[in-house]
Amino acid sequence: MDNIPSPCTHTLPASAVEAPASQASSQHFPLEPTPASTLAAREAARRNEARALGPCRSGCAQLDDYVLLGGGLERGCVVGVSAEEEDAFALVLGLQVLVRALLDDGAATALVVTPRPARVLLRALREAIAAELGARRVDGAEAQAELARACLERVMLSCVFDLDGLWEVLADLDAPGGSPPASMPASMNAPAAAAAAAAADRRPARPPVSEIQDSQDEASISSPPSPSPSPSPSPSPPPPPPPPPPRREADARRPPSVILVTHFSALLTSLFAQREKSAAHTVLQLLGAHLRYISRSLPSHPLVLLLNSTTTTSSSSTDATSKSDSNQRANTPRKQPLDPTLRSVFNPPLPPPLPGYAAPASALRRNKPSFGLVFSQLLDLHLLCARVPRGTDDADTVYRAEGAGARRCEATAARYVTVVEVLLDDMGLWRGRTGHRPCREQRWAAVDVVGGRVVDGFARAERVYPELKLAAGFEGRGP
């Protein structure tokens, strides 16, 4: 009985008895609380780093200086562009920003994610590069071809079919290389690149062997080797060292400066068609958080551009509503008004639901972004691009109080401009210091697409005045 140890005599290591205070607190709270001042200082430092890199300019003075106030789109944020003409304007604007970023910085790279065929995007990218080089007046076909080739080598193109593919591309950005390996350089031909990638996946890796001609192979199989009186050949010289990796591979390892996702509405359509509504909203919430994480965590502070479409309220549906019975209109609840972050200043208020009241044609057309708040929850800055008549005569032509057929025929001859308006500005313009940040909501400018580029819609030509000679002999310019 004396040899039986008492249970009270067991001892434990001091490290097991006395745990650190931080470890004891982390048993209940996985993350230690962080002071708000620390988070504010980190955010200010991050935005100062992004500001030091400079904005991503579009080259349109009205858009960069007047609407955005900072000389272009800020880096390290997610920007959505909802355009009435997604291919004719939104894609042109997005590629113009991308190309200017590549031309302004020789070390910058870009990533383009699209659900469209690669051939279509490559053609649009080449046209955008050619238009920008023409605007910069680059002389010489060889110089233009060299700059275009350099830009194409620094653009990675990924074709996806749904949001799952977009998730895979964005997840690859967190890899040590910082560039999606599944992408291909835009300088490669789309069919050739796809075939090469498929063949590389199917072909197993094997060590290099010396090439054997067909005649030698057949002779070695048909008859044994005979002794040759000639002396053995001298050993071949060692192969030259492999060339250094091309610049294309070095650029591919850099994180992109611009991430452009085209035709985002098509990806959202496929998401809601394949999944339930609640699951789709959960996926979008996670996607929005991941997009902000990428734009804020990568050392390049990339600008994320999401190109979206718009939905237009047709006049036929409004006319049908105005002609309905007054009792039915009274019993039918009115539609909820649009959220202020989706309402354009160019959309007139809804006509009053009065019996016999016919709204003018100008009050029947309204534009709003596709998927509304579902899309805007992903963004830090939201731009709406809508077509409006250029002048008073054009507006009278479009909204003439005539039959629908005559109005459609005459509307084709009217001139239009695209109004770019800021619908949402969550972050405000960062000026390098804490304090008041200007909000850019409801700022707008009229632009147009000329020669494949977005330019000011009402560019004023500088007037040159002739020299005036005065009686006293003085010269000057008037007036």
Protein backbone atom coordinates (compact mmCIF):
# COMPACT_ATOMS: atom_id res chain seq x y z
CA MET A 1 0.00 0.00 0.00
CA ASP A 2 2.92 2.30 0.61
CA ASN A 3 4.12 1.94 -2.99
CA ILE A 4 0.84 3.11 -4.51
CA PRO A 5 1.28 6.72 -5.60
CA SER A 6 -1.32 9.17 -4.53
CA PRO A 7 -3.26 10.93 -7.31
CA CYS A 8 -2.42 14.25 -5.69
CA THR A 9 1.32 13.72 -6.13
CA HIS A 10 1.26 13.94 -9.98
CA THR A 11 2.93 17.09 -11.34
CA LEU A 12 2.50 18.81 -14.71
CA PRO A 13 4.93 20.99 -16.65
CA ALA A 14 4.76 24.66 -15.91
CA SER A 15 3.94 25.42 -19.55
CA ALA A 16 0.82 23.28 -19.28
CA VAL A 17 -0.29 24.82 -15.99
CA GLU A 18 0.27 28.48 -16.77
CA ALA A 19 -0.77 29.43 -20.31
CA PRO A 20 0.00 32.89 -21.64
CA ALA A 21 -2.72 35.48 -21.30
CA SER A 22 -3.01 35.91 -25.07
CA GLN A 23 -3.39 32.16 -25.56
CA ALA A 24 -6.00 31.95 -22.82
CA SER A 25 -8.00 34.73 -24.39
CA SER A 26 -7.66 33.23 -27.88
CA GLN A 27 -9.35 30.03 -26.68
CA HIS A 28 -12.64 31.90 -26.78
CA PHE A 29 -11.82 34.55 -29.41
CA PRO A 30 -9.80 33.30 -32.42
CA LEU A 31 -8.73 36.88 -33.29
CA GLU A 32 -7.45 39.49 -30.92
CA PRO A 33 -9.35 42.79 -31.03
CA THR A 34 -7.63 45.45 -33.10
CA PRO A 35 -7.98 49.14 -32.24
CA ALA A 36 -9.81 51.26 -34.78
CA SER A 37 -6.87 53.66 -34.92
CA THR A 38 -4.63 50.83 -36.15
CA LEU A 39 -7.08 49.90 -38.89
CA ALA A 40 -7.42 53.54 -39.93
CA ALA A 41 -3.65 53.94 -40.10
CA ARG A 42 -3.32 50.81 -42.23
CA GLU A 43 -6.04 51.98 -44.59
CA ALA A 44 -4.44 55.41 -44.93
CA ALA A 45 -1.06 53.83 -45.67
CA ARG A 46 -2.61 51.51 -48.24
CA ARG A 47 -4.38 54.31 -50.05
CA ASN A 48 -1.25 56.44 -50.02
CA GLU A 49 0.67 53.60 -51.65
CA ALA A 50 -2.02 53.25 -54.31
CA ARG A 51 -2.06 57.01 -54.84
CA ALA A 52 1.72 57.05 -55.30
CA LEU A 53 1.35 54.66 -58.25
CA GLY A 54 -0.90 57.17 -60.02
CA PRO A 55 -4.44 56.77 -61.35
CA CYS A 56 -5.45 54.73 -64.36
CA ARG A 57 -6.36 57.35 -66.93
CA SER A 58 -8.83 56.99 -69.75
CA GLY A 59 -7.44 59.87 -71.82
CA CYS A 60 -10.78 61.70 -71.81
CA ALA A 61 -10.34 65.00 -69.97
CA GLN A 62 -14.00 65.42 -69.05
CA LEU A 63 -14.12 61.95 -67.53
CA ASP A 64 -10.74 61.97 -65.78
CA ASP A 65 -10.65 65.52 -64.45
CA TYR A 66 -14.26 66.64 -64.10
CA VAL A 67 -16.21 63.47 -63.24
CA LEU A 68 -13.57 61.49 -61.34
CA LEU A 69 -11.76 64.59 -59.99
CA GLY A 70 -8.51 62.70 -59.47
CA GLY A 71 -7.22 62.45 -63.01
CA GLY A 72 -8.55 58.95 -63.60
CA LEU A 73 -9.72 55.80 -61.87
CA GLU A 74 -8.08 55.12 -58.52
CA ARG A 75 -6.04 51.98 -58.04
CA GLY A 76 -6.92 49.49 -55.34
CA CYS A 77 -10.68 49.67 -55.83
CA VAL A 78 -13.45 47.83 -57.65
CA VAL A 79 -15.18 49.88 -60.37
CA GLY A 80 -18.31 48.87 -62.24
CA VAL A 81 -19.26 50.25 -65.66
CA SER A 82 -22.91 49.70 -66.64
CA ALA A 83 -23.35 50.76 -70.25
CA GLU A 84 -26.32 50.75 -72.56
CA GLU A 85 -24.02 49.57 -75.34
CA GLU A 86 -21.84 46.99 -73.63
CA ASP A 87 -19.73 46.10 -76.66
CA ALA A 88 -19.71 49.49 -78.39
CA PHE A 89 -18.90 51.60 -75.32
CA ALA A 90 -18.17 49.70 -72.10
CA LEU A 91 -15.65 47.39 -73.73
CA VAL A 92 -14.04 50.30 -75.58
CA LEU A 93 -13.69 52.30 -72.36
CA GLY A 94 -12.33 49.35 -70.38
CA LEU A 95 -9.75 48.43 -73.00
CA GLN A 96 -8.76 52.07 -73.40
CA VAL A 97 -7.97 52.33 -69.68
CA LEU A 98 -6.07 49.03 -69.86
CA VAL A 99 -4.01 49.99 -72.91
CA ARG A 100 -3.07 53.39 -71.49
CA ALA A 101 -1.89 51.72 -68.26
CA LEU A 102 0.36 49.41 -70.29
CA LEU A 103 1.77 52.20 -72.45
CA ASP A 104 2.40 54.54 -69.52
CA ASP A 105 4.26 51.89 -67.51
CA GLY A 106 6.51 49.48 -69.35
CA ALA A 107 6.48 47.03 -66.42
CA ALA A 108 2.70 46.93 -65.94
CA THR A 109 0.66 43.83 -66.75
CA ALA A 110 -3.05 43.25 -67.16
CA LEU A 111 -5.54 40.40 -66.86
CA VAL A 112 -8.68 40.13 -69.00
CA VAL A 113 -11.40 37.65 -68.00
CA THR A 114 -14.27 37.17 -70.43
CA PRO A 115 -17.05 34.70 -71.23
CA ARG A 116 -16.74 35.60 -74.91
CA PRO A 117 -14.52 33.76 -77.43
CA ALA A 118 -10.86 34.70 -77.24
CA ARG A 119 -10.77 35.70 -80.89
CA VAL A 120 -13.37 38.43 -80.32
CA LEU A 121 -11.49 39.95 -77.39
CA LEU A 122 -8.15 39.77 -79.15
CA ARG A 123 -9.53 41.69 -82.11
CA ALA A 124 -11.00 44.35 -79.83
CA LEU A 125 -7.72 44.58 -77.91
CA ARG A 126 -5.69 45.05 -81.09
CA GLU A 127 -8.09 47.75 -82.26
CA ALA A 128 -7.80 49.54 -78.91
CA ILE A 129 -4.00 49.45 -79.08
CA ALA A 130 -4.00 50.75 -82.65
CA ALA A 131 -6.41 53.58 -81.77
CA GLU A 132 -4.34 54.63 -78.76
CA LEU A 133 -1.08 54.58 -80.71
CA GLY A 134 -2.74 56.65 -83.43
CA ALA A 135 -3.90 59.18 -80.85
CA ARG A 136 -0.37 59.42 -79.48
CA ARG A 137 0.94 59.97 -83.02
CA VAL A 138 3.50 57.21 -82.95
CA ASP A 139 5.35 57.49 -86.26
CA GLY A 140 6.47 54.49 -88.24
CA ALA A 141 4.81 51.17 -88.82
CA GLU A 142 7.68 49.31 -87.20
CA ALA A 143 7.48 51.38 -84.01
CA GLN A 144 3.73 50.85 -83.80
CA ALA A 145 4.11 47.12 -84.37
CA GLU A 146 6.79 46.87 -81.67
CA LEU A 147 4.69 48.75 -79.11
CA ALA A 148 1.61 46.71 -79.96
CA ARG A 149 3.57 43.47 -79.58
CA ALA A 150 4.96 44.60 -76.23
CA CYS A 151 1.45 45.41 -74.98
CA LEU A 152 0.00 42.10 -76.14
CA GLU A 153 2.76 40.14 -74.41
CA ARG A 154 1.84 41.74 -71.08
CA VAL A 155 -1.88 40.96 -71.29
CA MET A 156 -3.11 37.62 -69.98
CA LEU A 157 -6.47 36.45 -71.35
CA SER A 158 -8.69 33.94 -69.55
CA CYS A 159 -11.93 32.64 -71.05
CA VAL A 160 -14.46 31.44 -68.48
CA PHE A 161 -18.02 30.18 -68.75
CA ASP A 162 -19.42 30.97 -65.31
CA LEU A 163 -18.53 32.45 -61.95
CA ASP A 164 -16.79 29.23 -60.92
CA GLY A 165 -14.24 29.84 -63.65
CA LEU A 166 -13.85 33.44 -62.49
CA TRP A 167 -13.25 32.17 -58.96
CA GLU A 168 -10.47 29.90 -60.22
CA VAL A 169 -8.76 32.74 -62.06
CA LEU A 170 -8.97 35.04 -59.05
CA ALA A 171 -7.75 32.30 -56.71
CA ASP A 172 -4.64 31.86 -58.86
CA LEU A 173 -3.73 35.49 -58.18
CA ASP A 174 -2.99 34.52 -54.57
CA ALA A 175 -0.37 32.02 -55.76
CA PRO A 176 3.32 32.91 -55.26
CA GLY A 177 3.65 33.72 -58.95
CA GLY A 178 0.83 36.23 -58.76
CA SER A 179 -0.48 35.40 -62.23
CA PRO A 180 -3.06 32.84 -63.33
CA PRO A 181 -1.24 29.91 -64.96
CA ALA A 182 -4.31 28.93 -66.90
CA SER A 183 -4.20 32.19 -68.84
CA MET A 184 -2.44 32.71 -72.13
CA PRO A 185 -0.61 35.74 -73.48
CA ALA A 186 -2.78 37.87 -75.72
CA SER A 187 -0.01 37.94 -78.33
CA MET A 188 -0.63 34.27 -79.11
CA ASN A 189 -3.19 33.19 -81.64
CA ALA A 190 -6.30 31.98 -79.84
CA PRO A 191 -6.81 28.63 -81.67
CA ALA A 192 -3.11 27.83 -81.62
CA ALA A 193 -2.81 28.64 -77.93
CA ALA A 194 -5.83 26.52 -77.07
CA ALA A 195 -4.53 23.58 -79.08
CA ALA A 196 -1.08 23.89 -77.54
CA ALA A 197 -2.49 23.99 -74.03
CA ALA A 198 -4.67 20.93 -74.65
CA ALA A 199 -1.79 18.99 -76.17
CA ALA A 200 0.47 19.89 -73.26
CA ASP A 201 -2.09 18.58 -70.80
CA ARG A 202 -2.48 15.27 -72.63
CA ARG A 203 1.22 14.69 -73.30
CA PRO A 204 3.19 13.12 -70.41
CA ALA A 205 6.52 14.63 -69.47
CA ARG A 206 9.52 12.74 -70.78
CA PRO A 207 13.25 13.43 -70.96
CA PRO A 208 14.64 14.76 -74.23
CA VAL A 209 16.11 12.14 -76.58
CA SER A 210 18.18 12.46 -79.70
CA GLU A 211 16.22 12.48 -82.93
CA ILE A 212 16.43 9.32 -85.08
CA GLN A 213 15.63 9.42 -88.76
CA ASP A 214 13.11 7.00 -90.16
CA SER A 215 15.67 5.19 -92.39
CA GLN A 216 18.06 4.65 -89.49
CA ASP A 217 15.26 3.38 -87.30
CA GLU A 218 14.13 0.83 -89.90
CA ALA A 219 17.71 -0.34 -90.56
CA SER A 220 18.39 -0.87 -86.89
CA ILE A 221 15.27 -3.01 -86.56
CA SER A 222 15.69 -5.12 -89.73
CA SER A 223 19.39 -6.06 -89.40
CA PRO A 224 21.98 -6.13 -86.62
CA PRO A 225 24.68 -3.49 -86.71
CA SER A 226 27.78 -4.48 -88.69
CA PRO A 227 31.28 -3.49 -87.68
CA SER A 228 32.44 -0.41 -89.53
CA PRO A 229 36.08 0.05 -90.49
CA SER A 230 35.81 3.80 -90.22
CA PRO A 231 36.92 5.31 -86.94
CA SER A 232 34.32 6.43 -84.47
CA PRO A 233 33.26 10.01 -84.88
CA SER A 234 34.60 12.59 -82.50
CA PRO A 235 32.31 13.52 -79.64
CA SER A 236 29.97 16.37 -80.42
CA PRO A 237 30.57 19.65 -78.63
CA PRO A 238 28.42 20.33 -75.59
CA PRO A 239 25.13 22.06 -76.32
CA PRO A 240 25.03 25.80 -75.77
CA PRO A 241 23.50 27.01 -72.53
CA PRO A 242 19.76 27.60 -72.67
CA PRO A 243 18.74 31.17 -73.44
CA PRO A 244 17.47 33.31 -70.61
CA PRO A 245 13.72 33.25 -70.08
CA PRO A 246 11.95 35.73 -72.28
CA ARG A 247 10.52 38.92 -70.93
CA ARG A 248 7.04 37.51 -71.40
CA GLU A 249 7.55 34.97 -68.59
CA ALA A 250 8.98 37.61 -66.26
CA ASP A 251 6.02 39.89 -66.91
CA ALA A 252 3.58 37.01 -66.38
CA ARG A 253 4.88 36.56 -62.83
CA ARG A 254 4.08 40.16 -61.89
CA PRO A 255 0.69 40.83 -60.37
CA PRO A 256 -1.59 42.65 -62.79
CA SER A 257 -2.11 46.38 -62.59
CA VAL A 258 -5.56 46.18 -64.21
CA ILE A 259 -8.07 43.31 -63.96
CA LEU A 260 -10.82 43.62 -66.56
CA VAL A 261 -13.89 41.35 -66.41
CA THR A 262 -16.08 41.80 -69.48
CA HIS A 263 -19.76 40.91 -69.94
CA PHE A 264 -20.31 40.41 -66.23
CA SER A 265 -24.08 40.33 -66.73
CA ALA A 266 -23.71 37.06 -68.67
CA LEU A 267 -21.91 35.52 -65.70
CA LEU A 268 -24.64 36.69 -63.32
CA THR A 269 -27.33 35.30 -65.61
CA SER A 270 -25.71 31.86 -65.62
CA LEU A 271 -25.27 32.00 -61.83
CA PHE A 272 -28.96 32.65 -61.10
CA ALA A 273 -29.97 30.05 -63.71
CA GLN A 274 -27.85 27.31 -62.14
CA ARG A 275 -28.29 27.95 -58.42
CA GLU A 276 -31.00 28.90 -56.01
CA LYS A 277 -31.54 32.53 -55.21
CA SER A 278 -30.20 32.38 -51.65
CA ALA A 279 -27.12 30.39 -52.69
CA ALA A 280 -26.44 32.80 -55.56
CA HIS A 281 -26.57 35.81 -53.24
CA THR A 282 -24.17 34.09 -50.85
CA VAL A 283 -21.73 33.44 -53.70
CA LEU A 284 -21.90 37.09 -54.75
CA GLN A 285 -21.24 38.31 -51.22
CA LEU A 286 -18.13 36.14 -51.05
CA LEU A 287 -17.09 37.29 -54.52
CA GLY A 288 -17.40 40.94 -53.55
CA ALA A 289 -15.25 40.40 -50.46
CA HIS A 290 -12.64 38.54 -52.52
CA LEU A 291 -12.53 41.24 -55.20
CA ARG A 292 -11.89 43.89 -52.56
CA TYR A 293 -9.25 41.68 -50.95
CA ILE A 294 -7.41 41.29 -54.26
CA SER A 295 -7.54 44.99 -55.07
CA ARG A 296 -6.20 45.90 -51.63
CA SER A 297 -3.71 43.11 -50.88
CA LEU A 298 -1.66 42.69 -54.06
CA PRO A 299 1.48 44.85 -54.21
CA SER A 300 0.40 46.30 -57.56
CA HIS A 301 -2.88 47.64 -56.08
CA PRO A 302 -4.80 46.60 -59.21
CA LEU A 303 -7.81 48.39 -60.57
CA VAL A 304 -10.67 45.89 -60.95
CA LEU A 305 -13.09 46.80 -63.75
CA LEU A 306 -16.42 44.96 -64.09
CA LEU A 307 -18.33 45.65 -67.31
CA ASN A 308 -22.10 45.35 -67.02
CA SER A 309 -25.10 46.02 -69.24
CA THR A 310 -28.25 48.07 -68.59
CA THR A 311 -31.96 47.47 -68.87
CA THR A 312 -34.19 50.01 -70.57
CA THR A 313 -37.87 50.46 -69.83
CA SER A 314 -39.65 50.31 -73.17
CA SER A 315 -42.35 52.76 -74.07
CA SER A 316 -44.71 49.99 -75.09
CA SER A 317 -44.98 48.65 -71.57
CA THR A 318 -45.66 52.14 -70.21
CA ASP A 319 -48.23 52.86 -72.89
CA ALA A 320 -50.00 49.63 -72.07
CA THR A 321 -50.09 50.61 -68.43
CA SER A 322 -51.48 54.05 -69.20
CA LYS A 323 -54.27 52.56 -71.31
CA SER A 324 -55.35 50.05 -68.68
CA ASP A 325 -58.55 50.46 -66.75
CA SER A 326 -58.49 52.93 -63.88
CA ASN A 327 -60.03 50.44 -61.45
CA GLN A 328 -57.36 47.86 -62.26
CA ARG A 329 -54.68 50.54 -61.80
CA ALA A 330 -56.10 51.46 -58.43
CA ASN A 331 -56.13 47.86 -57.24
CA THR A 332 -52.61 47.13 -58.52
CA PRO A 333 -49.87 48.23 -56.10
CA ARG A 334 -47.36 50.67 -57.50
CA LYS A 335 -43.82 49.49 -58.12
CA GLN A 336 -41.25 50.46 -55.55
CA PRO A 337 -38.99 53.34 -56.63
CA LEU A 338 -35.42 52.62 -57.56
CA ASP A 339 -32.72 52.78 -54.94
CA PRO A 340 -30.98 56.17 -54.97
CA THR A 341 -27.70 54.48 -55.93
CA LEU A 342 -29.37 53.15 -59.11
CA ARG A 343 -31.33 56.24 -60.14
CA SER A 344 -29.87 58.42 -62.84
CA VAL A 345 -30.32 62.17 -62.80
CA PHE A 346 -31.43 61.90 -66.44
CA ASN A 347 -34.35 59.62 -65.59
CA PRO A 348 -37.48 61.75 -65.10
CA PRO A 349 -39.90 60.90 -62.30
CA LEU A 350 -42.62 58.38 -62.93
CA PRO A 351 -45.77 59.83 -64.52
CA PRO A 352 -48.74 60.14 -62.17
CA PRO A 353 -51.21 57.21 -62.40
CA LEU A 354 -54.13 59.35 -63.51
CA PRO A 355 -56.82 58.03 -65.84
CA GLY A 356 -56.52 59.43 -69.34
CA TYR A 357 -53.08 60.91 -68.74
CA ALA A 358 -50.60 60.19 -71.54
CA ALA A 359 -46.97 60.75 -70.60
CA PRO A 360 -44.69 62.34 -73.21
CA ALA A 361 -42.26 60.13 -75.04
CA SER A 362 -39.29 61.64 -73.22
CA ALA A 363 -40.66 60.36 -69.90
CA LEU A 364 -41.04 56.76 -71.05
CA ARG A 365 -37.39 55.79 -71.39
CA ARG A 366 -35.37 54.90 -68.31
CA ASN A 367 -32.03 53.20 -67.89
CA LYS A 368 -30.85 51.23 -64.90
CA PRO A 369 -27.97 48.79 -64.38
CA SER A 370 -28.66 45.13 -64.95
CA PHE A 371 -29.14 43.19 -61.69
CA GLY A 372 -29.40 46.47 -59.78
CA LEU A 373 -28.28 46.23 -56.17
CA VAL A 374 -26.97 42.71 -56.72
CA PHE A 375 -24.29 44.17 -58.97
CA SER A 376 -23.67 47.39 -57.07
CA GLN A 377 -22.89 45.54 -53.82
CA LEU A 378 -19.65 44.35 -55.41
CA LEU A 379 -18.41 47.87 -56.21
CA ASP A 380 -16.63 50.80 -54.68
CA LEU A 381 -17.42 53.09 -57.64
CA HIS A 382 -20.28 52.65 -60.12
CA LEU A 383 -20.49 54.43 -63.50
CA LEU A 384 -23.66 54.46 -65.61
CA CYS A 385 -23.26 55.12 -69.35
CA ALA A 386 -26.47 55.98 -71.23
CA ARG A 387 -27.11 57.36 -74.69
CA VAL A 388 -28.95 60.68 -74.96
CA PRO A 389 -29.66 62.94 -77.94
CA ARG A 390 -26.80 65.27 -78.72
CA GLY A 391 -28.75 68.50 -79.16
CA THR A 392 -32.20 70.03 -79.13
CA ASP A 393 -32.90 69.18 -82.74
CA ASP A 394 -31.87 65.58 -82.14
CA ALA A 395 -34.15 65.36 -79.11
CA ASP A 396 -37.08 66.73 -81.12
CA THR A 397 -36.39 64.16 -83.80
CA VAL A 398 -36.29 61.27 -81.35
CA TYR A 399 -39.22 62.31 -79.17
CA ARG A 400 -41.48 63.62 -81.90
CA ALA A 401 -45.13 63.05 -81.07
CA GLU A 402 -45.82 60.79 -84.03
CA GLY A 403 -46.44 57.13 -84.60
CA ALA A 404 -43.99 54.57 -83.29
CA GLY A 405 -42.92 53.50 -86.77
CA ALA A 406 -42.16 57.03 -87.96
CA ARG A 407 -40.32 57.80 -84.73
CA ARG A 408 -38.09 54.77 -85.08
CA CYS A 409 -37.20 55.68 -88.67
CA GLU A 410 -36.34 59.25 -87.79
CA ALA A 411 -34.45 58.28 -84.64
CA THR A 412 -31.82 56.54 -86.70
CA ALA A 413 -30.80 59.89 -88.23
CA ALA A 414 -30.45 61.61 -84.84
CA ARG A 415 -27.05 62.16 -83.26
CA TYR A 416 -26.28 60.76 -79.82
CA VAL A 417 -23.69 61.16 -77.10
CA THR A 418 -23.02 58.92 -74.13
CA VAL A 419 -23.46 60.40 -70.67
CA VAL A 420 -21.14 58.89 -68.05
CA GLU A 421 -22.59 59.42 -64.58
CA VAL A 422 -21.39 58.35 -61.14
CA LEU A 423 -24.17 56.43 -59.43
CA LEU A 424 -22.25 55.18 -56.40
CA ASP A 425 -19.08 56.36 -54.66
CA ASP A 426 -18.51 54.44 -51.44
CA MET A 427 -14.91 55.43 -50.81
CA GLY A 428 -14.69 59.03 -51.97
CA LEU A 429 -11.64 60.65 -53.52
CA TRP A 430 -8.49 60.12 -51.45
CA ARG A 431 -6.26 63.20 -51.37
CA GLY A 432 -3.41 61.79 -49.31
CA ARG A 433 -4.67 62.86 -45.90
CA THR A 434 -7.50 62.11 -43.52
CA GLY A 435 -10.49 64.36 -43.38
CA HIS A 436 -13.12 65.31 -45.90
CA ARG A 437 -13.15 63.23 -49.08
CA PRO A 438 -15.11 64.62 -52.04
CA CYS A 439 -18.04 62.48 -53.12
CA ARG A 440 -18.42 62.13 -56.87
CA GLU A 441 -21.98 60.88 -56.98
CA GLN A 442 -24.24 62.53 -59.60
CA ARG A 443 -21.29 64.04 -61.45
CA TRP A 444 -21.55 63.42 -65.17
CA ALA A 445 -20.02 64.27 -68.52
CA ALA A 446 -20.98 63.77 -72.16
CA VAL A 447 -18.51 61.69 -74.16
CA ASP A 448 -18.46 60.02 -77.55
CA VAL A 449 -16.61 57.22 -79.34
CA VAL A 450 -14.56 58.58 -82.24
CA GLY A 451 -12.00 56.49 -84.07
CA GLY A 452 -12.28 53.64 -81.58
CA ARG A 453 -11.56 55.89 -78.58
CA VAL A 454 -13.68 57.56 -75.93
CA VAL A 455 -13.28 61.34 -76.28
CA ASP A 456 -15.09 64.44 -75.05
CA GLY A 457 -18.53 64.71 -76.55
CA PHE A 458 -18.39 68.49 -76.99
CA ALA A 459 -14.70 69.15 -77.50
CA ARG A 460 -14.04 72.83 -78.10
CA ALA A 461 -11.53 73.62 -80.79
CA GLU A 462 -9.03 76.25 -79.77
CA ARG A 463 -9.67 79.40 -81.75
CA VAL A 464 -6.60 81.05 -83.25
CA TYR A 465 -6.81 84.82 -83.56
CA PRO A 466 -4.76 86.64 -86.23
CA GLU A 467 -2.17 89.18 -85.29
CA LEU A 468 -3.32 92.78 -85.08
CA LYS A 469 -1.15 95.71 -86.07
CA LEU A 470 -1.96 98.94 -84.32
CA ALA A 471 -1.33 102.45 -85.58
CA ALA A 472 1.42 103.04 -83.02
CA GLY A 473 3.35 100.06 -84.32
CA PHE A 474 2.48 97.67 -81.53
CA GLU A 475 1.51 94.12 -82.38
CA GLY A 476 -0.59 91.66 -80.51
CA ARG A 477 -3.34 89.12 -80.72
CA GLY A 478 -6.99 89.83 -80.31
CA PRO A 479 -9.48 90.13 -79.10
